[in-house]
PDB file of N, CA and C in Angstrom:
ATOM      1  N   ASN A   1     239.256 167.341   1.599  1.00  0.00           N
ATOM      2  CA  ASN A   1     239.134 168.322   0.507  1.00  0.00           C
ATOM      3  C   ASN A   1     239.859 168.105  -0.862  1.00  0.00           C
ATOM      4  N   SER A   2     238.442 167.932  -1.837  1.00  0.00           N
ATOM      5  CA  SER A   2     239.094 168.136  -2.855  1.00  0.00           C
ATOM      6  C   SER A   2     238.878 168.977  -3.942  1.00  0.00           C
ATOM      7  N   THR A   3     240.175 169.337  -4.947  1.00  0.00           N
ATOM      8  CA  THR A   3     239.528 170.227  -5.891  1.00  0.00           C
ATOM      9  C   THR A   3     240.187 169.602  -7.264  1.00  0.00           C
ATOM     10  N   PRO A   4     238.750 169.938  -8.202  1.00  0.00           N
ATOM     11  CA  PRO A   4     238.920 169.153  -9.434  1.00  0.00           C
ATOM     12  C   PRO A   4     240.503 169.814 -10.312  1.00  0.00           C
ATOM     13  N   ILE A   5     241.027 169.215 -11.126  1.00  0.00           N
ATOM     14  CA  ILE A   5     242.125 169.341 -12.008  1.00  0.00           C
ATOM     15  C   ILE A   5     241.967 168.767 -13.027  1.00  0.00           C
ATOM     16  N   GLU A   6     242.205 169.373 -14.373  1.00  0.00           N
ATOM     17  CA  GLU A   6     242.455 169.094 -15.680  1.00  0.00           C
ATOM     18  C   GLU A   6     243.214 167.902 -15.904  1.00  0.00           C
ATOM     19  N   SER A   7     244.597 168.038 -15.627  1.00  0.00           N
ATOM     20  CA  SER A   7     245.730 167.078 -15.812  1.00  0.00           C
ATOM     21  C   SER A   7     247.004 167.590 -14.733  1.00  0.00           C
ATOM     22  N   CYS A   8     247.743 166.520 -14.884  1.00  0.00           N
ATOM     23  CA  CYS A   8     248.865 166.556 -13.747  1.00  0.00           C
ATOM     24  C   CYS A   8     250.230 166.001 -14.733  1.00  0.00           C
ATOM     25  N   LYS A   9     251.103 166.725 -14.725  1.00  0.00           N
ATOM     26  CA  LYS A   9     252.593 165.977 -14.891  1.00  0.00           C
ATOM     27  C   LYS A   9     253.268 165.707 -14.259  1.00  0.00           C
ATOM     28  N   LEU A  10     253.920 164.437 -14.051  1.00  0.00           N
ATOM     29  CA  LEU A  10     254.553 163.806 -13.031  1.00  0.00           C
ATOM     30  C   LEU A  10     256.156 164.390 -13.358  1.00  0.00           C
ATOM     31  N   LEU A  11     257.034 165.009 -12.602  1.00  0.00           N
ATOM     32  CA  LEU A  11     258.789 164.691 -13.003  1.00  0.00           C
ATOM     33  C   LEU A  11     259.224 163.509 -11.945  1.00  0.00           C
ATOM     34  N   ARG A  12     259.739 162.364 -13.542  1.00  0.00           N
ATOM     35  CA  ARG A  12     260.299 161.637 -12.642  1.00  0.00           C
ATOM     36  C   ARG A  12     262.326 161.783 -13.065  1.00  0.00           C
ATOM     37  N   ASP A  13     262.958 160.936 -12.334  1.00  0.00           N
ATOM     38  CA  ASP A  13     264.081 160.743 -11.997  1.00  0.00           C
ATOM     39  C   ASP A  13     265.069 160.246 -13.390  1.00  0.00           C
ATOM     40  N   ARG A  14     266.004 159.678 -13.526  1.00  0.00           N
ATOM     41  CA  ARG A  14     266.775 159.162 -14.168  1.00  0.00           C
ATOM     42  C   ARG A  14     266.341 157.513 -14.342  1.00  0.00           C
ATOM     43  N   LEU A  15     266.287 157.192 -13.193  1.00  0.00           N
ATOM     44  CA  LEU A  15     265.996 156.113 -13.050  1.00  0.00           C
ATOM     45  C   LEU A  15     264.282 155.408 -13.249  1.00  0.00           C
ATOM     46  N   ASN A  16     263.455 156.465 -13.660  1.00  0.00           N
ATOM     47  CA  ASN A  16     262.008 156.504 -13.921  1.00  0.00           C
ATOM     48  C   ASN A  16     261.514 156.202 -12.595  1.00  0.00           C
ATOM     49  N   ARG A  17     261.777 156.989 -11.725  1.00  0.00           N
ATOM     50  CA  ARG A  17     261.266 156.750 -10.216  1.00  0.00           C
ATOM     51  C   ARG A  17     260.726 158.307 -10.034  1.00  0.00           C
ATOM     52  N   GLY A  18     259.570 158.235  -9.016  1.00  0.00           N
ATOM     53  CA  GLY A  18     258.904 159.494  -9.138  1.00  0.00           C
ATOM     54  C   GLY A  18     260.053 160.683  -8.024  1.00  0.00           C
ATOM     55  N   ALA A  19     259.997 161.661  -8.841  1.00  0.00           N
ATOM     56  CA  ALA A  19     261.301 162.405  -8.110  1.00  0.00           C
ATOM     57  C   ALA A  19     260.395 163.679  -6.955  1.00  0.00           C
ATOM     58  N   GLY A  20     259.226 163.167  -6.578  1.00  0.00           N
ATOM     59  CA  GLY A  20     258.297 164.056  -6.122  1.00  0.00           C
ATOM     60  C   GLY A  20     258.171 165.642  -6.117  1.00  0.00           C
ATOM     61  N   GLU A  21     258.091 165.848  -7.097  1.00  0.00           N
ATOM     62  CA  GLU A  21     257.477 167.028  -8.073  1.00  0.00           C
ATOM     63  C   GLU A  21     256.451 166.673  -8.927  1.00  0.00           C
ATOM     64  N   ALA A  22     255.533 167.514  -9.327  1.00  0.00           N
ATOM     65  CA  ALA A  22     254.371 167.640 -10.295  1.00  0.00           C
ATOM     66  C   ALA A  22     253.959 168.787 -10.573  1.00  0.00           C
ATOM     67  N   LEU A  23     253.565 168.996 -12.027  1.00  0.00           N
ATOM     68  CA  LEU A  23     252.802 170.208 -12.519  1.00  0.00           C
ATOM     69  C   LEU A  23     251.425 169.576 -12.841  1.00  0.00           C
ATOM     70  N   VAL A  24     250.405 170.540 -11.825  1.00  0.00           N
ATOM     71  CA  VAL A  24     249.139 170.507 -12.151  1.00  0.00           C
ATOM     72  C   VAL A  24     248.442 171.509 -12.851  1.00  0.00           C
ATOM     73  N   ARG A  25     247.726 171.114 -13.677  1.00  0.00           N
ATOM     74  CA  ARG A  25     246.889 171.958 -14.282  1.00  0.00           C
ATOM     75  C   ARG A  25     245.271 171.823 -13.894  1.00  0.00           C
ATOM     76  N   PHE A  26     244.869 173.178 -13.908  1.00  0.00           N
ATOM     77  CA  PHE A  26     243.238 173.303 -13.085  1.00  0.00           C
ATOM     78  C   PHE A  26     242.464 174.263 -14.023  1.00  0.00           C
ATOM     79  N   HIS A  27     241.018 173.936 -13.831  1.00  0.00           N
ATOM     80  CA  HIS A  27     240.324 174.262 -14.935  1.00  0.00           C
ATOM     81  C   HIS A  27     240.041 175.769 -15.252  1.00  0.00           C
ATOM     82  N   ASP A  28     240.272 176.678 -14.183  1.00  0.00           N
ATOM     83  CA  ASP A  28     240.145 178.186 -14.418  1.00  0.00           C
ATOM     84  C   ASP A  28     241.351 178.310 -13.383  1.00  0.00           C
ATOM     85  N   PRO A  29     241.368 180.073 -13.498  1.00  0.00           N
ATOM     86  CA  PRO A  29     242.489 180.550 -12.399  1.00  0.00           C
ATOM     87  C   PRO A  29     241.801 180.231 -10.790  1.00  0.00           C
ATOM     88  N   GLN A  30     240.740 180.652 -10.982  1.00  0.00           N
ATOM     89  CA  GLN A  30     240.033 180.704  -9.574  1.00  0.00           C
ATOM     90  C   GLN A  30     240.137 179.472  -8.796  1.00  0.00           C
ATOM     91  N   THR A  31     240.410 178.112  -9.726  1.00  0.00           N
ATOM     92  CA  THR A  31     240.330 176.909  -9.052  1.00  0.00           C
ATOM     93  C   THR A  31     241.822 176.945  -8.561  1.00  0.00           C
ATOM     94  N   CYS A  32     242.784 177.406  -9.397  1.00  0.00           N
ATOM     95  CA  CYS A  32     243.958 177.264  -9.125  1.00  0.00           C
ATOM     96  C   CYS A  32     244.655 178.015  -7.882  1.00  0.00           C
ATOM     97  N   GLN A  33     243.587 179.434  -7.959  1.00  0.00           N
ATOM     98  CA  GLN A  33     244.295 180.314  -6.283  1.00  0.00           C
ATOM     99  C   GLN A  33     243.724 179.721  -5.413  1.00  0.00           C
ATOM    100  N   MET A  34     242.251 179.169  -5.495  1.00  0.00           N
ATOM    101  CA  MET A  34     241.896 178.226  -4.154  1.00  0.00           C
ATOM    102  C   MET A  34     242.665 176.886  -3.797  1.00  0.00           C
ATOM    103  N   ALA A  35     242.946 176.439  -4.603  1.00  0.00           N
ATOM    104  CA  ALA A  35     244.066 175.265  -4.289  1.00  0.00           C
ATOM    105  C   ALA A  35     245.309 175.951  -3.533  1.00  0.00           C
ATOM    106  N   TYR A  36     245.985 176.776  -4.097  1.00  0.00           N
ATOM    107  CA  TYR A  36     247.209 177.275  -3.701  1.00  0.00           C
ATOM    108  C   TYR A  36     247.026 177.943  -2.221  1.00  0.00           C
ATOM    109  N   GLU A  37     245.736 178.715  -1.958  1.00  0.00           N
ATOM    110  CA  GLU A  37     245.370 179.172  -0.876  1.00  0.00           C
ATOM    111  C   GLU A  37     245.703 178.218   0.048  1.00  0.00           C
ATOM    112  N   SER A  38     244.820 177.092   0.191  1.00  0.00           N
ATOM    113  CA  SER A  38     244.313 176.215   0.897  1.00  0.00           C
ATOM    114  C   SER A  38     245.523 175.449   0.831  1.00  0.00           C
ATOM    115  N   GLN A  39     245.902 174.758   0.137  1.00  0.00           N
ATOM    116  CA  GLN A  39     247.345 173.637   0.510  1.00  0.00           C
ATOM    117  C   GLN A  39     248.645 173.973   0.352  1.00  0.00           C
ATOM    118  N   ASN A  40     248.873 174.959   0.033  1.00  0.00           N
ATOM    119  CA  ASN A  40     250.374 175.558   0.267  1.00  0.00           C
ATOM    120  C   ASN A  40     251.177 175.185   1.429  1.00  0.00           C
ATOM    121  N   ARG A  41     252.071 174.678   1.540  1.00  0.00           N
ATOM    122  CA  ARG A  41     252.947 174.582   2.932  1.00  0.00           C
ATOM    123  C   ARG A  41     252.512 173.521   3.816  1.00  0.00           C
ATOM    124  N   GLN A  42     251.384 173.125   3.363  1.00  0.00           N
ATOM    125  CA  GLN A  42     250.001 171.793   3.880  1.00  0.00           C
ATOM    126  C   GLN A  42     251.153 170.361   3.675  1.00  0.00           C
ATOM    127  N   ILE A  43     250.933 170.037   5.029  1.00  0.00           N
ATOM    128  CA  ILE A  43     251.462 168.514   5.153  1.00  0.00           C
ATOM    129  C   ILE A  43     250.707 167.366   4.175  1.00  0.00           C
ATOM    130  N   PHE A  44     251.231 166.663   3.345  1.00  0.00           N
ATOM    131  CA  PHE A  44     250.840 165.841   2.460  1.00  0.00           C
ATOM    132  C   PHE A  44     251.225 164.583   2.541  1.00  0.00           C
ATOM    133  N   TYR A  45     251.296 163.535   2.935  1.00  0.00           N
ATOM    134  CA  TYR A  45     251.601 162.299   3.439  1.00  0.00           C
ATOM    135  C   TYR A  45     253.078 162.496   3.728  1.00  0.00           C
ATOM    136  N   GLY A  46     253.373 163.012   5.132  1.00  0.00           N
ATOM    137  CA  GLY A  46     254.256 163.163   5.381  1.00  0.00           C
ATOM    138  C   GLY A  46     255.540 164.416   4.780  1.00  0.00           C
ATOM    139  N   ARG A  47     254.983 165.070   3.822  1.00  0.00           N
ATOM    140  CA  ARG A  47     255.764 166.114   2.877  1.00  0.00           C
ATOM    141  C   ARG A  47     255.193 167.291   3.203  1.00  0.00           C
ATOM    142  N   THR A  48     255.936 168.143   3.310  1.00  0.00           N
ATOM    143  CA  THR A  48     255.562 169.549   2.986  1.00  0.00           C
ATOM    144  C   THR A  48     255.206 169.906   1.510  1.00  0.00           C
ATOM    145  N   LEU A  49     253.824 170.523   1.128  1.00  0.00           N
ATOM    146  CA  LEU A  49     253.624 170.954  -0.129  1.00  0.00           C
ATOM    147  C   LEU A  49     254.090 172.225  -0.456  1.00  0.00           C
ATOM    148  N   ASP A  50     255.130 172.574  -1.431  1.00  0.00           N
ATOM    149  CA  ASP A  50     255.559 173.882  -1.604  1.00  0.00           C
ATOM    150  C   ASP A  50     255.023 174.346  -2.860  1.00  0.00           C
ATOM    151  N   LEU A  51     254.104 175.011  -3.347  1.00  0.00           N
ATOM    152  CA  LEU A  51     253.191 175.346  -4.335  1.00  0.00           C
ATOM    153  C   LEU A  51     254.042 176.231  -5.072  1.00  0.00           C
ATOM    154  N   ARG A  52     254.111 176.619  -6.388  1.00  0.00           N
ATOM    155  CA  ARG A  52     254.250 177.690  -7.512  1.00  0.00           C
ATOM    156  C   ARG A  52     253.409 177.820  -8.136  1.00  0.00           C
ATOM    157  N   LYS A  53     252.753 178.526  -8.592  1.00  0.00           N
ATOM    158  CA  LYS A  53     252.395 178.883  -9.742  1.00  0.00           C
ATOM    159  C   LYS A  53     252.931 179.098 -11.065  1.00  0.00           C
ATOM    160  N   LEU A  54     252.295 178.533 -11.977  1.00  0.00           N
ATOM    161  CA  LEU A  54     252.989 178.594 -13.317  1.00  0.00           C
ATOM    162  C   LEU A  54     251.953 179.003 -14.663  1.00  0.00           C
ATOM    163  N   SER A  55     252.206 179.807 -15.559  1.00  0.00           N
ATOM    164  CA  SER A  55     251.542 180.352 -16.420  1.00  0.00           C
ATOM    165  C   SER A  55     250.777 179.050 -17.565  1.00  0.00           C
ATOM    166  N   LEU A  56     249.934 179.266 -17.930  1.00  0.00           N
ATOM    167  CA  LEU A  56     249.704 178.065 -19.056  1.00  0.00           C
ATOM    168  C   LEU A  56     250.571 177.759 -19.963  1.00  0.00           C
ATOM    169  N   GLN A  57     251.077 178.963 -20.242  1.00  0.00           N
ATOM    170  CA  GLN A  57     252.271 178.363 -21.728  1.00  0.00           C
ATOM    171  C   GLN A  57     253.620 177.659 -20.934  1.00  0.00           C
ATOM    172  N   ASP A  58     253.771 178.128 -19.772  1.00  0.00           N
ATOM    173  CA  ASP A  58     254.773 177.306 -19.262  1.00  0.00           C
ATOM    174  C   ASP A  58     254.366 175.399 -18.825  1.00  0.00           C
ATOM    175  N   TYR A  59     253.203 175.395 -18.813  1.00  0.00           N
ATOM    176  CA  TYR A  59     252.641 174.176 -18.265  1.00  0.00           C
ATOM    177  C   TYR A  59     252.769 173.376 -19.613  1.00  0.00           C
ATOM    178  N   GLN A  60     252.124 173.932 -20.817  1.00  0.00           N
ATOM    179  CA  GLN A  60     252.461 173.318 -22.010  1.00  0.00           C
ATOM    180  C   GLN A  60     253.868 173.263 -22.870  1.00  0.00           C
ATOM    181  N   THR A  61     254.715 174.105 -22.020  1.00  0.00           N
ATOM    182  CA  THR A  61     255.958 174.033 -22.883  1.00  0.00           C
ATOM    183  C   THR A  61     256.842 173.113 -21.956  1.00  0.00           C
ATOM    184  N   SER A  62     256.509 172.587 -20.809  1.00  0.00           N
ATOM    185  CA  SER A  62     257.398 171.878 -20.016  1.00  0.00           C
ATOM    186  C   SER A  62     257.740 170.676 -20.796  1.00  0.00           C
ATOM    187  N   PRO A  63     258.891 169.821 -20.513  1.00  0.00           N
ATOM    188  CA  PRO A  63     258.838 168.641 -21.597  1.00  0.00           C
ATOM    189  C   PRO A  63     258.545 167.481 -20.905  1.00  0.00           C
ATOM    190  N   LEU A  64     257.925 167.795 -19.616  1.00  0.00           N
ATOM    191  CA  LEU A  64     257.373 166.437 -18.965  1.00  0.00           C
ATOM    192  C   LEU A  64     256.164 166.038 -19.706  1.00  0.00           C
ATOM    193  N   GLN A  65     255.341 164.800 -19.742  1.00  0.00           N
ATOM    194  CA  GLN A  65     254.514 164.112 -19.956  1.00  0.00           C
ATOM    195  C   GLN A  65     253.254 163.958 -19.321  1.00  0.00           C
ATOM    196  N   VAL A  66     252.116 164.321 -19.589  1.00  0.00           N
ATOM    197  CA  VAL A  66     250.937 164.296 -18.856  1.00  0.00           C
ATOM    198  C   VAL A  66     250.665 162.943 -18.413  1.00  0.00           C
ATOM    199  N   MET A  67     250.642 162.685 -17.165  1.00  0.00           N
ATOM    200  CA  MET A  67     250.590 161.335 -16.935  1.00  0.00           C
ATOM    201  C   MET A  67     249.319 161.036 -16.084  1.00  0.00           C
ATOM    202  N   MET A  68     248.046 162.065 -15.484  1.00  0.00           N
ATOM    203  CA  MET A  68     247.048 161.624 -15.110  1.00  0.00           C
ATOM    204  C   MET A  68     246.466 162.701 -16.029  1.00  0.00           C
ATOM    205  N   LYS A  69     245.155 162.409 -16.313  1.00  0.00           N
ATOM    206  CA  LYS A  69     244.089 163.241 -16.531  1.00  0.00           C
ATOM    207  C   LYS A  69     242.981 163.343 -15.725  1.00  0.00           C
ATOM    208  N   ASN A  70     241.891 164.190 -15.367  1.00  0.00           N
ATOM    209  CA  ASN A  70     240.790 164.409 -15.199  1.00  0.00           C
ATOM    210  C   ASN A  70     240.572 163.190 -14.802  1.00  0.00           C
ATOM    211  N   ASN A  71     239.912 162.285 -16.008  1.00  0.00           N
ATOM    212  CA  ASN A  71     238.802 161.074 -15.597  1.00  0.00           C
ATOM    213  C   ASN A  71     239.912 160.118 -14.898  1.00  0.00           C
ATOM    214  N   ASP A  72     241.180 159.890 -14.617  1.00  0.00           N
ATOM    215  CA  ASP A  72     242.217 159.269 -13.885  1.00  0.00           C
ATOM    216  C   ASP A  72     242.104 159.492 -12.284  1.00  0.00           C
ATOM    217  N   LEU A  73     241.422 160.950 -12.216  1.00  0.00           N
ATOM    218  CA  LEU A  73     241.769 161.511 -10.916  1.00  0.00           C
ATOM    219  C   LEU A  73     240.178 161.355 -10.258  1.00  0.00           C
ATOM    220  N   GLN A  74     239.696 160.835 -10.773  1.00  0.00           N
ATOM    221  CA  GLN A  74     237.694 160.752 -10.483  1.00  0.00           C
ATOM    222  C   GLN A  74     237.557 159.599  -8.935  1.00  0.00           C
ATOM    223  N   SER A  75     238.552 158.389  -9.216  1.00  0.00           N
ATOM    224  CA  SER A  75     238.284 157.704  -7.878  1.00  0.00           C
ATOM    225  C   SER A  75     238.909 158.250  -6.297  1.00  0.00           C
TER     226      SER A  75
END
């Protein structure tokens, strides 16, 4: 099951390795809610997804850089 996203910010540790956390921006609140309801607490590559909702303002003001955008995620 694939849910379209607008962009994703990946958290990196101080050695520039993936820290296992990301901020994901969805196209609309309904898509966000659908992803939350269907994916929260699901196993993904052997790890449990722990999803939390953030406001658009929290996403936009996070110090993380956008790592992937919609076009990068089409494959």
